[in-house]
Amino acid sequence: MTRIAIALAQDFADWEPALLAAAARSYLGVEIVHATPDGRPVTSMGGLNVTPETSYDALDPDNIDALVIPGGLSWEKGTAADLGGLVQRFREKDRLVAGICAAASALAGTGILNHVAHTGNSLASHKAYPAYRGDGLYRDQPKAVSDGGIITAAGSAPVSFAVEILKNLGLFGPEAEAELGIFAAEHR
């Protein structure tokens, strides 16, 4: 069974992983594992209270196929946990790593975007991180970008973000396309 870990932080953007989690879990039989920095409950920007199954440190990339990180206010507030070790553990095992919105910039801060095509809310938000040197590979586009096992998206692109994750996991078939297509209809 495919397993996706969603790394949540206090004040996470609840709409960003929602379509992925719903389509993957309800229609494709994927196990979704929620994690927080310390394994304690968090509250989203919209007031959704989430009790996670585990902590970031307890996530084992040998048992999880993808690490998905939604954005949120914790990066803007400077209260987000350091993702460097978590991301490195997943990349060392060649696991898919995906970040959307402020989490795409947090990935920039780990240095993993320096050698792959990527996007995010803005190039300026990535450049705020000293470890980021991937300016030439930044794609200013509305849809998610997938390259080398890393997926990034602006916060306005949760549908294409979900699609790219499912494609990379070999799960994007007609059923997923139909379900996610409903949510993308307004963009036609």
N, C-alpha and C. Protein backbone atom coordinates (compact mmCIF):
# COMPACT_ATOMS: atom_id res chain seq x y z
N MET A 1 0.83 -1.18 0.00
CA MET A 1 0.00 0.00 0.00
C MET A 1 0.88 1.25 0.00
N THR A 2 0.52 2.20 -0.82
CA THR A 2 1.23 3.47 -0.88
C THR A 2 0.94 4.28 0.38
N ARG A 3 1.98 4.91 0.90
CA ARG A 3 1.84 5.74 2.11
C ARG A 3 2.41 7.13 1.83
N ILE A 4 1.63 8.14 2.16
CA ILE A 4 2.05 9.53 2.02
C ILE A 4 2.06 10.17 3.41
N ALA A 5 3.17 10.79 3.76
CA ALA A 5 3.26 11.55 5.01
C ALA A 5 3.02 13.02 4.70
N ILE A 6 2.14 13.63 5.45
CA ILE A 6 1.89 15.06 5.33
C ILE A 6 2.43 15.72 6.60
N ALA A 7 3.47 16.53 6.41
CA ALA A 7 4.14 17.19 7.53
C ALA A 7 3.45 18.52 7.82
N LEU A 8 2.71 18.55 8.90
CA LEU A 8 1.94 19.74 9.27
C LEU A 8 2.69 20.56 10.31
N ALA A 9 2.45 21.85 10.28
CA ALA A 9 3.00 22.76 11.29
C ALA A 9 1.85 23.60 11.83
N GLN A 10 2.05 24.23 12.96
CA GLN A 10 1.03 25.13 13.49
C GLN A 10 0.71 26.19 12.44
N ASP A 11 -0.57 26.51 12.26
CA ASP A 11 -1.03 27.49 11.28
C ASP A 11 -0.77 27.06 9.84
N PHE A 12 -0.83 25.73 9.57
CA PHE A 12 -0.64 25.25 8.20
C PHE A 12 -1.84 25.66 7.34
N ALA A 13 -1.60 25.75 6.04
CA ALA A 13 -2.64 26.12 5.08
C ALA A 13 -3.45 24.87 4.76
N ASP A 14 -4.61 24.73 5.40
CA ASP A 14 -5.37 23.48 5.35
C ASP A 14 -5.88 23.11 3.96
N TRP A 15 -6.07 24.07 3.08
CA TRP A 15 -6.57 23.77 1.74
C TRP A 15 -5.50 23.17 0.83
N GLU A 16 -4.25 23.36 1.16
CA GLU A 16 -3.18 22.93 0.24
C GLU A 16 -3.02 21.42 0.14
N PRO A 17 -3.09 20.64 1.22
CA PRO A 17 -2.99 19.19 1.08
C PRO A 17 -4.36 18.50 1.00
N ALA A 18 -5.45 19.25 1.13
CA ALA A 18 -6.78 18.64 1.26
C ALA A 18 -7.20 17.81 0.06
N LEU A 19 -7.06 18.33 -1.14
CA LEU A 19 -7.48 17.58 -2.33
C LEU A 19 -6.64 16.32 -2.51
N LEU A 20 -5.35 16.44 -2.31
CA LEU A 20 -4.48 15.28 -2.41
C LEU A 20 -4.90 14.21 -1.42
N ALA A 21 -5.05 14.58 -0.15
CA ALA A 21 -5.39 13.61 0.89
C ALA A 21 -6.74 12.95 0.61
N ALA A 22 -7.73 13.74 0.23
CA ALA A 22 -9.06 13.19 -0.03
C ALA A 22 -9.06 12.24 -1.22
N ALA A 23 -8.47 12.65 -2.32
CA ALA A 23 -8.45 11.80 -3.51
C ALA A 23 -7.62 10.54 -3.27
N ALA A 24 -6.45 10.70 -2.67
CA ALA A 24 -5.57 9.55 -2.45
C ALA A 24 -6.17 8.55 -1.48
N ARG A 25 -6.70 9.03 -0.37
CA ARG A 25 -7.23 8.14 0.67
C ARG A 25 -8.57 7.52 0.26
N SER A 26 -9.51 8.36 -0.18
CA SER A 26 -10.87 7.89 -0.42
C SER A 26 -11.05 7.13 -1.73
N TYR A 27 -10.29 7.50 -2.75
CA TYR A 27 -10.49 6.89 -4.06
C TYR A 27 -9.39 5.93 -4.48
N LEU A 28 -8.21 6.09 -3.91
CA LEU A 28 -7.07 5.29 -4.36
C LEU A 28 -6.51 4.36 -3.29
N GLY A 29 -7.06 4.39 -2.09
CA GLY A 29 -6.63 3.49 -1.04
C GLY A 29 -5.27 3.78 -0.45
N VAL A 30 -4.80 5.02 -0.59
CA VAL A 30 -3.50 5.41 -0.05
C VAL A 30 -3.64 5.68 1.45
N GLU A 31 -2.65 5.27 2.22
CA GLU A 31 -2.64 5.60 3.64
C GLU A 31 -1.99 6.97 3.81
N ILE A 32 -2.69 7.85 4.49
CA ILE A 32 -2.18 9.19 4.77
C ILE A 32 -1.74 9.23 6.23
N VAL A 33 -0.50 9.63 6.46
CA VAL A 33 0.05 9.74 7.81
C VAL A 33 0.33 11.22 8.07
N HIS A 34 -0.29 11.76 9.10
CA HIS A 34 -0.05 13.16 9.47
C HIS A 34 1.02 13.22 10.55
N ALA A 35 1.95 14.14 10.39
CA ALA A 35 3.03 14.32 11.37
C ALA A 35 3.15 15.79 11.69
N THR A 36 3.57 16.07 12.91
CA THR A 36 3.87 17.44 13.33
C THR A 36 5.27 17.44 13.94
N PRO A 37 5.86 18.60 14.13
CA PRO A 37 7.24 18.62 14.63
C PRO A 37 7.46 17.78 15.89
N ASP A 38 6.51 17.84 16.83
CA ASP A 38 6.67 17.12 18.09
C ASP A 38 5.61 16.05 18.33
N GLY A 39 4.79 15.77 17.32
CA GLY A 39 3.74 14.77 17.46
C GLY A 39 2.50 15.27 18.19
N ARG A 40 2.46 16.55 18.50
CA ARG A 40 1.32 17.13 19.21
C ARG A 40 0.33 17.73 18.21
N PRO A 41 -0.92 17.91 18.63
CA PRO A 41 -1.93 18.50 17.75
C PRO A 41 -1.54 19.91 17.30
N VAL A 42 -2.01 20.27 16.11
CA VAL A 42 -1.82 21.61 15.56
C VAL A 42 -3.16 22.12 15.06
N THR A 43 -3.23 23.42 14.87
CA THR A 43 -4.43 24.06 14.34
C THR A 43 -4.05 24.77 13.05
N SER A 44 -4.88 24.57 12.02
CA SER A 44 -4.61 25.18 10.72
C SER A 44 -4.98 26.65 10.71
N MET A 45 -4.64 27.32 9.62
CA MET A 45 -5.01 28.72 9.44
C MET A 45 -6.53 28.89 9.51
N GLY A 46 -7.26 27.89 9.03
CA GLY A 46 -8.72 27.95 9.03
C GLY A 46 -9.37 27.44 10.31
N GLY A 47 -8.57 27.06 11.31
CA GLY A 47 -9.11 26.61 12.58
C GLY A 47 -9.36 25.11 12.68
N LEU A 48 -8.89 24.35 11.70
CA LEU A 48 -9.03 22.89 11.72
C LEU A 48 -8.01 22.31 12.70
N ASN A 49 -8.49 21.58 13.70
CA ASN A 49 -7.60 20.96 14.68
C ASN A 49 -7.23 19.56 14.21
N VAL A 50 -5.94 19.26 14.15
CA VAL A 50 -5.47 17.96 13.68
C VAL A 50 -4.61 17.31 14.75
N THR A 51 -4.98 16.08 15.09
CA THR A 51 -4.16 15.27 15.99
C THR A 51 -3.37 14.32 15.10
N PRO A 52 -2.06 14.47 15.04
CA PRO A 52 -1.24 13.67 14.13
C PRO A 52 -1.03 12.25 14.64
N GLU A 53 -0.62 11.38 13.74
CA GLU A 53 -0.26 10.02 14.12
C GLU A 53 1.15 9.94 14.68
N THR A 54 2.00 10.91 14.32
CA THR A 54 3.41 10.81 14.70
C THR A 54 4.11 12.17 14.65
N SER A 55 5.39 12.14 14.92
CA SER A 55 6.23 13.35 14.85
C SER A 55 7.10 13.29 13.60
N TYR A 56 7.71 14.43 13.25
CA TYR A 56 8.63 14.46 12.12
C TYR A 56 9.76 13.46 12.32
N ASP A 57 10.35 13.43 13.51
CA ASP A 57 11.50 12.55 13.77
C ASP A 57 11.15 11.08 13.63
N ALA A 58 9.91 10.71 13.90
CA ALA A 58 9.51 9.31 13.84
C ALA A 58 9.13 8.85 12.43
N LEU A 59 9.04 9.77 11.48
CA LEU A 59 8.73 9.37 10.11
C LEU A 59 9.90 8.57 9.54
N ASP A 60 9.60 7.41 9.00
CA ASP A 60 10.63 6.52 8.46
C ASP A 60 10.48 6.43 6.95
N PRO A 61 11.41 7.01 6.20
CA PRO A 61 11.30 6.97 4.74
C PRO A 61 11.35 5.56 4.15
N ASP A 62 11.76 4.57 4.92
CA ASP A 62 11.71 3.19 4.43
C ASP A 62 10.27 2.70 4.33
N ASN A 63 9.36 3.33 5.07
CA ASN A 63 7.96 2.90 5.10
C ASN A 63 6.99 3.91 4.52
N ILE A 64 7.51 4.99 3.95
CA ILE A 64 6.66 6.05 3.42
C ILE A 64 7.17 6.40 2.02
N ASP A 65 6.24 6.54 1.09
CA ASP A 65 6.59 6.77 -0.31
C ASP A 65 6.80 8.23 -0.67
N ALA A 66 6.16 9.13 0.06
CA ALA A 66 6.26 10.55 -0.27
C ALA A 66 6.10 11.40 0.98
N LEU A 67 6.82 12.50 0.99
CA LEU A 67 6.72 13.50 2.05
C LEU A 67 6.11 14.76 1.43
N VAL A 68 4.96 15.17 1.93
CA VAL A 68 4.25 16.34 1.41
C VAL A 68 4.21 17.39 2.51
N ILE A 69 4.60 18.62 2.16
CA ILE A 69 4.67 19.69 3.14
C ILE A 69 3.83 20.87 2.66
N PRO A 70 2.70 21.13 3.32
CA PRO A 70 1.92 22.31 2.97
C PRO A 70 2.52 23.56 3.59
N GLY A 71 2.20 24.69 3.02
CA GLY A 71 2.68 25.96 3.56
C GLY A 71 1.84 26.41 4.74
N GLY A 72 2.00 27.66 5.09
CA GLY A 72 1.25 28.21 6.21
C GLY A 72 1.97 29.40 6.82
N LEU A 73 1.41 29.89 7.88
CA LEU A 73 1.93 31.11 8.51
C LEU A 73 3.18 30.90 9.35
N SER A 74 3.50 29.67 9.71
CA SER A 74 4.65 29.45 10.60
C SER A 74 5.95 29.93 9.98
N TRP A 75 6.07 29.84 8.65
CA TRP A 75 7.30 30.33 8.02
C TRP A 75 7.34 31.86 8.04
N GLU A 76 6.20 32.49 7.80
CA GLU A 76 6.14 33.95 7.85
C GLU A 76 6.40 34.47 9.25
N LYS A 77 5.94 33.73 10.25
CA LYS A 77 6.13 34.13 11.65
C LYS A 77 7.52 33.77 12.17
N GLY A 78 8.25 32.94 11.42
CA GLY A 78 9.56 32.50 11.88
C GLY A 78 9.50 31.44 12.96
N THR A 79 8.38 30.73 13.05
CA THR A 79 8.21 29.71 14.08
C THR A 79 8.22 28.28 13.53
N ALA A 80 8.46 28.13 12.24
CA ALA A 80 8.44 26.79 11.63
C ALA A 80 9.64 25.97 12.09
N ALA A 81 9.41 24.68 12.20
CA ALA A 81 10.50 23.76 12.53
C ALA A 81 11.47 23.68 11.35
N ASP A 82 12.72 23.42 11.63
CA ASP A 82 13.72 23.23 10.58
C ASP A 82 13.41 21.92 9.85
N LEU A 83 13.24 22.00 8.55
CA LEU A 83 12.91 20.82 7.75
C LEU A 83 14.13 20.12 7.17
N GLY A 84 15.31 20.69 7.35
CA GLY A 84 16.51 20.17 6.71
C GLY A 84 16.75 18.69 6.93
N GLY A 85 16.74 18.24 8.16
CA GLY A 85 17.00 16.83 8.46
C GLY A 85 15.93 15.92 7.92
N LEU A 86 14.67 16.32 8.06
CA LEU A 86 13.55 15.52 7.58
C LEU A 86 13.62 15.35 6.06
N VAL A 87 13.80 16.44 5.36
CA VAL A 87 13.89 16.40 3.89
C VAL A 87 15.09 15.58 3.45
N GLN A 88 16.22 15.76 4.09
CA GLN A 88 17.43 15.01 3.75
C GLN A 88 17.22 13.51 3.91
N ARG A 89 16.57 13.09 5.00
CA ARG A 89 16.30 11.66 5.21
C ARG A 89 15.47 11.07 4.08
N PHE A 90 14.47 11.81 3.62
CA PHE A 90 13.62 11.31 2.55
C PHE A 90 14.35 11.31 1.21
N ARG A 91 15.15 12.32 0.94
CA ARG A 91 15.88 12.36 -0.33
C ARG A 91 16.98 11.30 -0.38
N GLU A 92 17.61 11.01 0.75
CA GLU A 92 18.64 9.97 0.79
C GLU A 92 18.06 8.60 0.42
N LYS A 93 16.78 8.41 0.64
CA LYS A 93 16.10 7.15 0.29
C LYS A 93 15.35 7.28 -1.04
N ASP A 94 15.65 8.34 -1.80
CA ASP A 94 15.01 8.59 -3.09
C ASP A 94 13.48 8.64 -3.00
N ARG A 95 12.99 9.20 -1.93
CA ARG A 95 11.55 9.36 -1.77
C ARG A 95 11.12 10.71 -2.34
N LEU A 96 9.91 10.73 -2.82
CA LEU A 96 9.32 11.95 -3.35
C LEU A 96 9.17 12.97 -2.22
N VAL A 97 9.55 14.21 -2.49
CA VAL A 97 9.38 15.31 -1.55
C VAL A 97 8.63 16.42 -2.28
N ALA A 98 7.56 16.92 -1.66
CA ALA A 98 6.73 17.94 -2.30
C ALA A 98 6.42 19.06 -1.32
N GLY A 99 6.58 20.30 -1.78
CA GLY A 99 6.27 21.47 -0.95
C GLY A 99 5.46 22.48 -1.73
N ILE A 100 4.47 23.04 -1.10
CA ILE A 100 3.59 24.01 -1.73
C ILE A 100 3.57 25.30 -0.91
N CYS A 101 3.47 26.42 -1.61
CA CYS A 101 3.35 27.73 -0.97
C CYS A 101 4.62 28.04 -0.18
N ALA A 102 4.48 28.45 1.06
CA ALA A 102 5.66 28.78 1.88
C ALA A 102 6.56 27.57 2.09
N ALA A 103 6.00 26.37 2.01
CA ALA A 103 6.82 25.16 2.16
C ALA A 103 7.75 24.96 0.97
N ALA A 104 7.36 25.45 -0.21
CA ALA A 104 8.28 25.40 -1.35
C ALA A 104 9.50 26.27 -1.05
N SER A 105 9.26 27.42 -0.45
CA SER A 105 10.39 28.28 -0.06
C SER A 105 11.20 27.64 1.06
N ALA A 106 10.53 26.94 1.97
CA ALA A 106 11.27 26.22 3.02
C ALA A 106 12.16 25.15 2.40
N LEU A 107 11.67 24.50 1.34
CA LEU A 107 12.52 23.53 0.62
C LEU A 107 13.72 24.25 0.01
N ALA A 108 13.48 25.45 -0.52
CA ALA A 108 14.60 26.25 -1.05
C ALA A 108 15.64 26.46 0.04
N GLY A 109 15.18 26.66 1.25
CA GLY A 109 16.08 26.88 2.37
C GLY A 109 16.92 25.68 2.74
N THR A 110 16.51 24.48 2.31
CA THR A 110 17.31 23.28 2.57
C THR A 110 18.37 23.06 1.49
N GLY A 111 18.27 23.80 0.38
CA GLY A 111 19.21 23.65 -0.72
C GLY A 111 18.82 22.61 -1.75
N ILE A 112 17.72 21.86 -1.53
CA ILE A 112 17.40 20.79 -2.49
C ILE A 112 16.83 21.29 -3.80
N LEU A 113 16.47 22.57 -3.87
CA LEU A 113 15.95 23.10 -5.14
C LEU A 113 17.05 23.69 -6.02
N ASN A 114 18.27 23.67 -5.57
CA ASN A 114 19.36 24.31 -6.30
C ASN A 114 19.69 23.64 -7.63
N HIS A 115 19.25 22.39 -7.83
CA HIS A 115 19.63 21.67 -9.04
C HIS A 115 18.45 21.04 -9.77
N VAL A 116 17.22 21.47 -9.43
CA VAL A 116 16.03 20.96 -10.11
C VAL A 116 15.13 22.13 -10.49
N ALA A 117 14.35 21.95 -11.55
CA ALA A 117 13.35 22.95 -11.91
C ALA A 117 12.32 23.00 -10.79
N HIS A 118 11.84 24.21 -10.48
CA HIS A 118 10.92 24.37 -9.37
C HIS A 118 10.15 25.67 -9.51
N THR A 119 9.13 25.82 -8.67
CA THR A 119 8.34 27.04 -8.62
C THR A 119 8.00 27.33 -7.16
N GLY A 120 7.05 28.21 -6.94
CA GLY A 120 6.62 28.58 -5.59
C GLY A 120 5.80 29.84 -5.67
N ASN A 121 5.61 30.47 -4.54
CA ASN A 121 4.84 31.72 -4.53
C ASN A 121 5.56 32.84 -5.27
N SER A 122 6.88 32.89 -5.11
CA SER A 122 7.68 33.89 -5.82
C SER A 122 9.16 33.55 -5.68
N LEU A 123 9.93 34.00 -6.64
CA LEU A 123 11.38 33.82 -6.56
C LEU A 123 11.93 34.56 -5.34
N ALA A 124 11.38 35.72 -5.06
CA ALA A 124 11.86 36.51 -3.92
C ALA A 124 11.71 35.75 -2.61
N SER A 125 10.63 35.00 -2.46
CA SER A 125 10.45 34.26 -1.21
C SER A 125 11.48 33.15 -1.07
N HIS A 126 11.91 32.56 -2.18
CA HIS A 126 12.98 31.55 -2.13
C HIS A 126 14.32 32.20 -1.80
N LYS A 127 14.55 33.37 -2.41
CA LYS A 127 15.84 34.05 -2.22
C LYS A 127 16.06 34.55 -0.79
N ALA A 128 15.02 34.56 0.00
CA ALA A 128 15.15 34.97 1.40
C ALA A 128 15.95 33.94 2.21
N TYR A 129 16.15 32.75 1.64
CA TYR A 129 16.90 31.69 2.32
C TYR A 129 18.33 31.65 1.79
N PRO A 130 19.33 31.82 2.64
CA PRO A 130 20.74 31.85 2.21
C PRO A 130 21.21 30.61 1.46
N ALA A 131 20.66 29.43 1.75
CA ALA A 131 21.10 28.20 1.09
C ALA A 131 20.57 28.08 -0.34
N TYR A 132 19.64 28.95 -0.73
CA TYR A 132 19.04 28.86 -2.06
C TYR A 132 19.93 29.50 -3.11
N ARG A 133 20.23 28.72 -4.15
CA ARG A 133 21.03 29.21 -5.28
C ARG A 133 20.45 28.72 -6.62
N GLY A 134 19.14 28.47 -6.64
CA GLY A 134 18.52 27.89 -7.82
C GLY A 134 17.77 28.86 -8.70
N ASP A 135 18.15 30.14 -8.66
CA ASP A 135 17.43 31.18 -9.43
C ASP A 135 17.18 30.78 -10.88
N GLY A 136 18.19 30.23 -11.53
CA GLY A 136 18.09 29.91 -12.95
C GLY A 136 17.14 28.77 -13.26
N LEU A 137 16.75 28.02 -12.25
CA LEU A 137 15.84 26.89 -12.45
C LEU A 137 14.42 27.20 -11.96
N TYR A 138 14.21 28.42 -11.47
CA TYR A 138 12.89 28.81 -10.99
C TYR A 138 11.96 29.01 -12.19
N ARG A 139 10.77 28.46 -12.12
CA ARG A 139 9.76 28.60 -13.17
C ARG A 139 8.61 29.44 -12.63
N ASP A 140 8.41 30.60 -13.20
CA ASP A 140 7.32 31.48 -12.79
C ASP A 140 6.08 31.06 -13.56
N GLN A 141 5.33 30.12 -13.00
CA GLN A 141 4.17 29.57 -13.69
C GLN A 141 3.08 29.21 -12.68
N PRO A 142 1.83 29.14 -13.14
CA PRO A 142 0.73 28.88 -12.21
C PRO A 142 0.60 27.44 -11.75
N LYS A 143 1.13 26.48 -12.49
CA LYS A 143 0.97 25.06 -12.13
C LYS A 143 2.21 24.52 -11.42
N ALA A 144 2.02 23.41 -10.73
CA ALA A 144 3.11 22.74 -10.02
C ALA A 144 4.20 22.31 -10.98
N VAL A 145 5.42 22.22 -10.47
CA VAL A 145 6.58 21.76 -11.24
C VAL A 145 7.12 20.50 -10.58
N SER A 146 7.42 19.50 -11.41
CA SER A 146 7.99 18.25 -10.93
C SER A 146 9.31 18.00 -11.64
N ASP A 147 10.36 17.74 -10.86
CA ASP A 147 11.67 17.47 -11.45
C ASP A 147 12.52 16.71 -10.44
N GLY A 148 13.05 15.58 -10.86
CA GLY A 148 14.00 14.84 -10.04
C GLY A 148 13.46 14.36 -8.70
N GLY A 149 12.19 14.02 -8.64
CA GLY A 149 11.61 13.54 -7.39
C GLY A 149 11.24 14.63 -6.41
N ILE A 150 11.21 15.87 -6.90
CA ILE A 150 10.83 17.01 -6.06
C ILE A 150 9.71 17.77 -6.76
N ILE A 151 8.65 18.06 -6.03
CA ILE A 151 7.51 18.78 -6.58
C ILE A 151 7.31 20.06 -5.78
N THR A 152 7.11 21.16 -6.50
CA THR A 152 6.85 22.45 -5.86
C THR A 152 5.65 23.11 -6.53
N ALA A 153 4.98 23.96 -5.77
CA ALA A 153 3.83 24.68 -6.31
C ALA A 153 3.59 25.95 -5.51
N ALA A 154 2.96 26.90 -6.16
CA ALA A 154 2.48 28.09 -5.46
C ALA A 154 1.26 27.69 -4.65
N GLY A 155 0.92 28.46 -3.65
CA GLY A 155 -0.24 28.16 -2.83
C GLY A 155 -1.54 28.17 -3.60
N SER A 156 -1.55 28.80 -4.75
CA SER A 156 -2.75 28.87 -5.59
C SER A 156 -2.92 27.64 -6.49
N ALA A 157 -2.06 26.63 -6.34
CA ALA A 157 -2.07 25.48 -7.26
C ALA A 157 -2.24 24.13 -6.56
N PRO A 158 -3.19 23.97 -5.63
CA PRO A 158 -3.31 22.68 -4.96
C PRO A 158 -3.76 21.54 -5.87
N VAL A 159 -4.48 21.86 -6.95
CA VAL A 159 -4.94 20.80 -7.84
C VAL A 159 -3.76 20.22 -8.64
N SER A 160 -2.98 21.08 -9.31
CA SER A 160 -1.85 20.55 -10.08
C SER A 160 -0.80 19.95 -9.16
N PHE A 161 -0.69 20.45 -7.93
CA PHE A 161 0.20 19.88 -6.92
C PHE A 161 -0.20 18.43 -6.64
N ALA A 162 -1.49 18.21 -6.38
CA ALA A 162 -1.99 16.86 -6.14
C ALA A 162 -1.77 15.96 -7.35
N VAL A 163 -2.05 16.47 -8.54
CA VAL A 163 -1.88 15.69 -9.77
C VAL A 163 -0.43 15.24 -9.92
N GLU A 164 0.52 16.16 -9.76
CA GLU A 164 1.93 15.80 -9.92
C GLU A 164 2.39 14.77 -8.89
N ILE A 165 1.91 14.88 -7.67
CA ILE A 165 2.26 13.89 -6.65
C ILE A 165 1.73 12.53 -7.04
N LEU A 166 0.46 12.46 -7.42
CA LEU A 166 -0.13 11.18 -7.81
C LEU A 166 0.54 10.59 -9.05
N LYS A 167 0.90 11.43 -10.01
CA LYS A 167 1.62 10.94 -11.19
C LYS A 167 2.95 10.34 -10.79
N ASN A 168 3.69 11.03 -9.94
CA ASN A 168 5.01 10.54 -9.52
C ASN A 168 4.92 9.24 -8.74
N LEU A 169 3.81 9.00 -8.09
CA LEU A 169 3.61 7.76 -7.33
C LEU A 169 2.96 6.67 -8.18
N GLY A 170 2.72 6.96 -9.47
CA GLY A 170 2.11 5.98 -10.36
C GLY A 170 0.63 5.75 -10.07
N LEU A 171 -0.03 6.73 -9.48
CA LEU A 171 -1.42 6.58 -9.07
C LEU A 171 -2.40 7.43 -9.87
N PHE A 172 -1.90 8.16 -10.85
CA PHE A 172 -2.79 9.07 -11.57
C PHE A 172 -3.39 8.36 -12.78
N GLY A 173 -4.50 7.69 -12.54
CA GLY A 173 -5.23 7.02 -13.60
C GLY A 173 -6.54 7.74 -13.84
N PRO A 174 -7.43 7.11 -14.59
CA PRO A 174 -8.71 7.74 -14.93
C PRO A 174 -9.54 8.17 -13.71
N GLU A 175 -9.52 7.35 -12.65
CA GLU A 175 -10.32 7.69 -11.47
C GLU A 175 -9.80 8.96 -10.79
N ALA A 176 -8.50 9.04 -10.62
CA ALA A 176 -7.91 10.23 -10.01
C ALA A 176 -8.10 11.45 -10.92
N GLU A 177 -7.93 11.24 -12.21
CA GLU A 177 -8.10 12.34 -13.15
C GLU A 177 -9.52 12.90 -13.10
N ALA A 178 -10.51 12.00 -13.04
CA ALA A 178 -11.90 12.44 -12.99
C ALA A 178 -12.19 13.20 -11.70
N GLU A 179 -11.72 12.66 -10.58
CA GLU A 179 -11.99 13.30 -9.29
C GLU A 179 -11.33 14.67 -9.20
N LEU A 180 -10.05 14.75 -9.53
CA LEU A 180 -9.34 16.03 -9.43
C LEU A 180 -9.78 17.00 -10.51
N GLY A 181 -10.23 16.47 -11.65
CA GLY A 181 -10.72 17.32 -12.73
C GLY A 181 -11.92 18.16 -12.31
N ILE A 182 -12.71 17.62 -11.41
CA ILE A 182 -13.87 18.37 -10.89
C ILE A 182 -13.40 19.67 -10.24
N PHE A 183 -12.32 19.58 -9.47
CA PHE A 183 -11.83 20.74 -8.74
C PHE A 183 -11.09 21.73 -9.64
N ALA A 184 -10.62 21.27 -10.78
CA ALA A 184 -9.89 22.14 -11.70
C ALA A 184 -10.81 22.77 -12.74
N ALA A 185 -12.08 22.40 -12.73
CA ALA A 185 -13.01 22.86 -13.76
C ALA A 185 -13.08 24.38 -13.87
N GLU A 186 -12.96 25.07 -12.77
CA GLU A 186 -13.06 26.53 -12.82
C GLU A 186 -11.91 27.17 -13.58
N HIS A 187 -10.85 26.43 -13.82
CA HIS A 187 -9.67 26.97 -14.50
C HIS A 187 -9.65 26.67 -16.00
N ARG A 188 -10.70 26.07 -16.50
CA ARG A 188 -10.74 25.74 -17.93
C ARG A 188 -11.05 26.95 -18.76
